[in-house]
């Protein structure tokens, strides 16, 4: 069931999203080779607290951390560990903040140490652009299928693969709410849900350089990897749809 937000609730989420945006802006410049992903989690906890918000992800049953930190072939939900970052690692930083009863969700993918390659630069730029195209479709009068189509057209058109089992989602009092938002056209657009004022959505572009098949990482309860060990990335923003416009909250 869709939970539509009031204007007042969207304003609360706007403030929470701004706080989460600041956390990400503080955190990313601190990331460098030699840090562990546990170190990233510690910094994220500190910055969330400084914003007078709460950690979101540890409200998911069984998940104890503030961030998910997939590297290279890891796709999503990878918890922090003692793993040491190396220059050239492709790292996703996925963070949620919980403020006055509402969650917001945000993710970016970056190259540790800036030691990238032209191939990786293009790969990550495609994801950023796909998310922007998705945001442009998230407006009253459109349908979820328009968002899905925009993501798929950009990603697949560039020669990459959508991870079809992993989707965007509604967000609000719960971190994961209806509706789910595929990154591909799972059905004709006219058969997908209309976008209406009061919807708040976590739009996600989750894709790889190789197969769409996924697997759980060995000895990991949470971490999902590409089955063929190909490089993956994720970009995510929380957006609110209103009568007047669409607000990017993060």
Protein backbone atom coordinates (compact mmCIF):
# COMPACT_ATOMS: atom_id res chain seq x y z
CA UNK A 1 0.00 0.00 0.00
CA UNK A 2 1.28 3.46 -0.91
CA UNK A 3 1.68 5.87 1.99
CA UNK A 4 1.14 9.40 0.68
CA UNK A 5 2.87 12.15 2.63
CA UNK A 6 1.31 15.45 3.64
CA UNK A 7 2.99 18.77 2.84
CA UNK A 8 4.14 18.98 6.46
CA UNK A 9 5.61 15.48 6.33
CA UNK A 10 7.41 16.27 3.08
CA UNK A 11 8.86 19.38 4.72
CA UNK A 12 10.16 17.24 7.58
CA UNK A 13 11.69 14.86 5.04
CA UNK A 14 13.19 17.80 3.15
CA UNK A 15 15.01 18.88 6.31
CA UNK A 16 16.09 15.29 6.98
CA UNK A 17 17.27 14.90 3.40
CA UNK A 18 19.31 18.08 3.64
CA UNK A 19 20.97 16.70 6.74
CA UNK A 20 21.76 13.45 4.93
CA UNK A 21 23.18 15.40 1.98
CA UNK A 22 25.52 17.22 4.38
CA UNK A 23 26.62 13.91 5.91
CA UNK A 24 27.56 12.60 2.46
CA UNK A 25 29.34 15.85 1.59
CA UNK A 26 31.39 15.62 4.79
CA UNK A 27 32.12 11.93 4.45
CA UNK A 28 33.25 11.58 0.83
CA UNK A 29 36.33 13.85 1.10
CA UNK A 30 37.54 11.77 4.06
CA UNK A 31 37.64 8.53 2.05
CA UNK A 32 41.10 7.40 0.97
CA UNK A 33 43.24 4.31 0.56
CA UNK A 34 44.23 2.80 3.89
CA UNK A 35 40.88 3.38 5.59
CA UNK A 36 38.75 0.38 6.43
CA UNK A 37 35.06 0.31 5.67
CA UNK A 38 34.59 0.18 9.45
CA UNK A 39 36.29 3.59 9.54
CA UNK A 40 33.75 4.91 7.04
CA UNK A 41 30.94 3.66 9.25
CA UNK A 42 32.43 5.37 12.30
CA UNK A 43 32.69 8.67 10.44
CA UNK A 44 29.13 8.35 9.12
CA UNK A 45 27.78 7.74 12.62
CA UNK A 46 29.64 10.84 13.86
CA UNK A 47 28.37 13.07 11.07
CA UNK A 48 24.78 11.85 11.40
CA UNK A 49 24.89 12.59 15.12
CA UNK A 50 26.32 16.06 14.46
CA UNK A 51 23.32 16.73 12.20
CA UNK A 52 21.01 15.87 15.12
CA UNK A 53 19.56 12.97 13.15
CA UNK A 54 19.56 9.23 13.79
CA UNK A 55 21.00 6.31 11.89
CA UNK A 56 18.45 4.82 9.52
CA UNK A 57 19.89 1.50 8.43
CA UNK A 58 20.24 0.01 11.91
CA UNK A 59 16.46 0.15 12.17
CA UNK A 60 16.33 -2.67 9.60
CA UNK A 61 16.05 -5.90 11.59
CA UNK A 62 19.46 -7.52 11.94
CA UNK A 63 21.47 -4.72 10.31
CA UNK A 64 23.75 -3.01 12.85
CA UNK A 65 25.50 -0.30 10.84
CA UNK A 66 25.01 3.24 9.51
CA UNK A 67 26.21 2.54 5.97
CA UNK A 68 26.40 -0.05 3.24
CA UNK A 69 29.79 -0.02 1.53
CA UNK A 70 30.02 -2.34 -1.50
CA UNK A 71 33.36 -2.46 -3.34
CA UNK A 72 33.91 -3.49 -6.97
CA UNK A 73 31.81 -6.65 -7.62
CA UNK A 74 29.82 -6.12 -4.41
CA UNK A 75 26.49 -4.59 -5.45
CA UNK A 76 24.41 -3.60 -2.41
CA UNK A 77 23.89 -4.17 1.33
CA UNK A 78 27.56 -4.86 2.07
CA UNK A 79 28.20 -4.10 5.76
CA UNK A 80 31.37 -2.43 7.04
CA UNK A 81 34.30 -4.71 7.89
CA UNK A 82 38.05 -4.56 8.46
CA UNK A 83 38.58 -4.52 4.69
CA UNK A 84 41.16 -1.90 3.75
CA UNK A 85 40.44 0.41 0.83
CA UNK A 86 42.92 0.47 -2.05
CA UNK A 87 43.48 3.15 -4.67
CA UNK A 88 41.29 2.34 -7.65
CA UNK A 89 38.60 0.49 -5.69
CA UNK A 90 35.11 1.32 -6.96
CA UNK A 91 33.24 2.07 -3.73
CA UNK A 92 29.54 2.68 -3.20
CA UNK A 93 28.60 4.69 -0.13
CA UNK A 94 24.93 4.15 0.76
CA UNK A 95 23.61 6.04 3.80
CA UNK A 96 20.23 6.61 5.39
CA UNK A 97 19.20 9.21 7.95
CA UNK A 98 16.18 9.09 10.25
CA UNK A 99 14.83 12.48 11.29
CA UNK A 100 11.65 13.17 13.26
CA UNK A 101 10.10 9.86 12.29
CA UNK A 102 11.06 9.74 8.62
CA UNK A 103 13.85 8.06 6.64
CA UNK A 104 15.77 9.41 3.66
CA UNK A 105 18.17 7.35 1.54
CA UNK A 106 21.15 8.36 -0.63
CA UNK A 107 23.97 6.54 -2.44
CA UNK A 108 26.89 7.43 -4.67
CA UNK A 109 29.70 5.41 -6.24
CA UNK A 110 33.25 6.75 -6.44
CA UNK A 111 36.80 5.67 -7.17
CA UNK A 112 39.06 5.54 -4.11
CA UNK A 113 42.01 7.88 -4.46
CA UNK A 114 40.73 9.19 -7.77
CA UNK A 115 42.86 6.50 -9.46
CA UNK A 116 40.33 5.77 -12.17
CA UNK A 117 40.48 4.61 -15.78
CA UNK A 118 38.59 5.95 -18.81
CA UNK A 119 36.48 2.77 -18.76
CA UNK A 120 35.43 3.29 -15.13
CA UNK A 121 34.88 7.02 -15.65
CA UNK A 122 32.38 6.30 -18.43
CA UNK A 123 30.72 3.53 -16.40
CA UNK A 124 30.09 5.82 -13.42
CA UNK A 125 29.05 8.80 -15.54
CA UNK A 126 26.33 6.69 -17.16
CA UNK A 127 24.88 5.87 -13.73
CA UNK A 128 24.87 9.51 -12.66
CA UNK A 129 23.13 10.55 -15.86
CA UNK A 130 20.60 7.71 -15.62
CA UNK A 131 19.61 8.85 -12.13
CA UNK A 132 19.14 12.42 -13.35
CA UNK A 133 16.95 11.19 -16.20
CA UNK A 134 14.91 9.14 -13.72
CA UNK A 135 14.42 12.21 -11.52
CA UNK A 136 13.16 14.18 -14.53
CA UNK A 137 10.45 11.54 -15.09
CA UNK A 138 9.34 11.56 -11.44
CA UNK A 139 6.48 14.02 -11.72
CA UNK A 140 2.71 14.16 -11.49
CA UNK A 141 1.10 12.74 -14.63
CA UNK A 142 3.91 10.30 -15.36
CA UNK A 143 4.01 6.65 -14.35
CA UNK A 144 6.56 4.45 -12.63
CA UNK A 145 7.21 2.91 -16.03
CA UNK A 146 8.53 6.24 -17.31
CA UNK A 147 11.18 6.20 -14.57
CA UNK A 148 12.07 2.58 -15.28
CA UNK A 149 12.30 3.20 -19.02
CA UNK A 150 14.58 6.23 -18.56
CA UNK A 151 17.02 4.23 -16.43
CA UNK A 152 17.02 1.21 -18.72
CA UNK A 153 17.43 3.22 -21.92
CA UNK A 154 20.48 5.05 -20.58
CA UNK A 155 22.21 2.11 -18.90
CA UNK A 156 21.51 -0.61 -21.45
CA UNK A 157 22.08 1.83 -24.31
CA UNK A 158 25.60 2.37 -22.98
CA UNK A 159 26.26 -1.37 -22.97
CA UNK A 160 25.77 -2.07 -19.27
CA UNK A 161 23.32 -4.31 -17.40
CA UNK A 162 20.51 -3.47 -14.96
CA UNK A 163 20.45 -5.62 -11.82
CA UNK A 164 16.79 -6.55 -12.24
CA UNK A 165 16.31 -8.12 -8.81
CA UNK A 166 17.23 -4.86 -7.05
CA UNK A 167 14.95 -1.83 -7.28
CA UNK A 168 14.15 1.63 -6.00
CA UNK A 169 11.34 1.98 -3.49
CA UNK A 170 9.04 4.25 -1.57
CA UNK A 171 10.44 5.73 1.62
CA UNK A 172 8.97 7.45 4.66
CA UNK A 173 8.20 6.18 8.14
CA UNK A 174 9.72 2.92 6.92
CA UNK A 175 12.98 2.75 5.01
CA UNK A 176 11.46 0.46 2.37
CA UNK A 177 7.86 1.18 1.41
CA UNK A 178 5.67 0.63 -1.64
CA UNK A 179 5.92 1.17 -4.53
CA UNK A 180 8.94 -0.68 -5.87
CA UNK A 181 10.57 1.03 -8.85
CA UNK A 182 12.41 -1.27 -11.26
CA UNK A 183 15.34 0.02 -13.27
CA UNK A 184 13.88 -1.66 -16.35
CA UNK A 185 10.54 -1.84 -18.16
CA UNK A 186 8.97 -4.86 -16.46
CA UNK A 187 5.58 -4.23 -18.10
CA UNK A 188 4.02 -1.72 -20.54
CA UNK A 189 4.19 1.82 -19.15
CA UNK A 190 0.40 2.24 -19.20
CA UNK A 191 0.07 -0.76 -16.86
CA UNK A 192 2.37 0.78 -14.24
CA UNK A 193 1.27 2.99 -11.37
CA UNK A 194 0.56 6.68 -11.88
CA UNK A 195 2.73 9.09 -9.93
CA UNK A 196 0.70 11.27 -7.58
CA UNK A 197 1.38 14.15 -5.18
CA UNK A 198 2.61 12.95 -1.80
CA UNK A 199 4.71 10.09 -3.12
CA UNK A 200 8.27 10.04 -1.77
CA UNK A 201 10.56 7.71 -3.67
CA UNK A 202 14.12 6.46 -3.33
CA UNK A 203 15.17 6.26 -6.98
CA UNK A 204 18.05 3.83 -7.55
CA UNK A 205 20.25 3.01 -10.52
CA UNK A 206 21.89 -0.36 -9.79
CA UNK A 207 23.88 -1.82 -12.66
CA UNK A 208 26.96 -3.75 -13.69
CA UNK A 209 29.50 -4.16 -16.46
CA UNK A 210 28.55 -7.82 -16.83
CA UNK A 211 25.74 -10.17 -15.92
CA UNK A 212 22.43 -9.28 -14.26
CA UNK A 213 22.72 -12.37 -12.08
CA UNK A 214 23.44 -11.83 -8.40
CA UNK A 215 24.53 -13.99 -5.49
CA UNK A 216 25.13 -13.62 -1.78
CA UNK A 217 28.80 -13.21 -0.97
CA UNK A 218 30.33 -16.23 0.72
CA UNK A 219 30.26 -16.01 4.53
CA UNK A 220 28.21 -12.79 4.35
CA UNK A 221 24.64 -12.53 5.58
CA UNK A 222 23.91 -9.26 3.76
CA UNK A 223 26.34 -8.56 0.94
CA UNK A 224 25.08 -9.14 -2.61
CA UNK A 225 27.62 -9.50 -5.43
CA UNK A 226 27.53 -9.88 -9.20
CA UNK A 227 27.51 -13.60 -9.95
CA UNK A 228 30.21 -13.16 -12.61
CA UNK A 229 32.30 -10.85 -10.35
CA UNK A 230 31.89 -7.94 -12.77
CA UNK A 231 32.12 -4.32 -11.62
CA UNK A 232 28.93 -2.75 -10.28
CA UNK A 233 27.71 0.65 -9.10
CA UNK A 234 24.71 2.32 -7.47
CA UNK A 235 23.41 5.89 -7.46
CA UNK A 236 20.38 6.90 -5.40
CA UNK A 237 18.42 10.01 -4.44
CA UNK A 238 15.24 10.46 -2.40
CA UNK A 239 12.66 12.60 -4.21
CA UNK A 240 9.24 13.96 -3.21
CA UNK A 241 6.49 14.48 -5.78
CA UNK A 242 4.26 17.49 -5.12
CA UNK A 243 1.50 19.30 -7.03
CA UNK A 244 3.97 22.00 -8.05
CA UNK A 245 7.23 20.17 -8.69
CA UNK A 246 9.52 17.33 -7.72
CA UNK A 247 11.94 17.94 -4.86
CA UNK A 248 15.28 16.17 -4.68
CA UNK A 249 15.53 15.76 -0.91
CA UNK A 250 19.09 14.41 -0.80
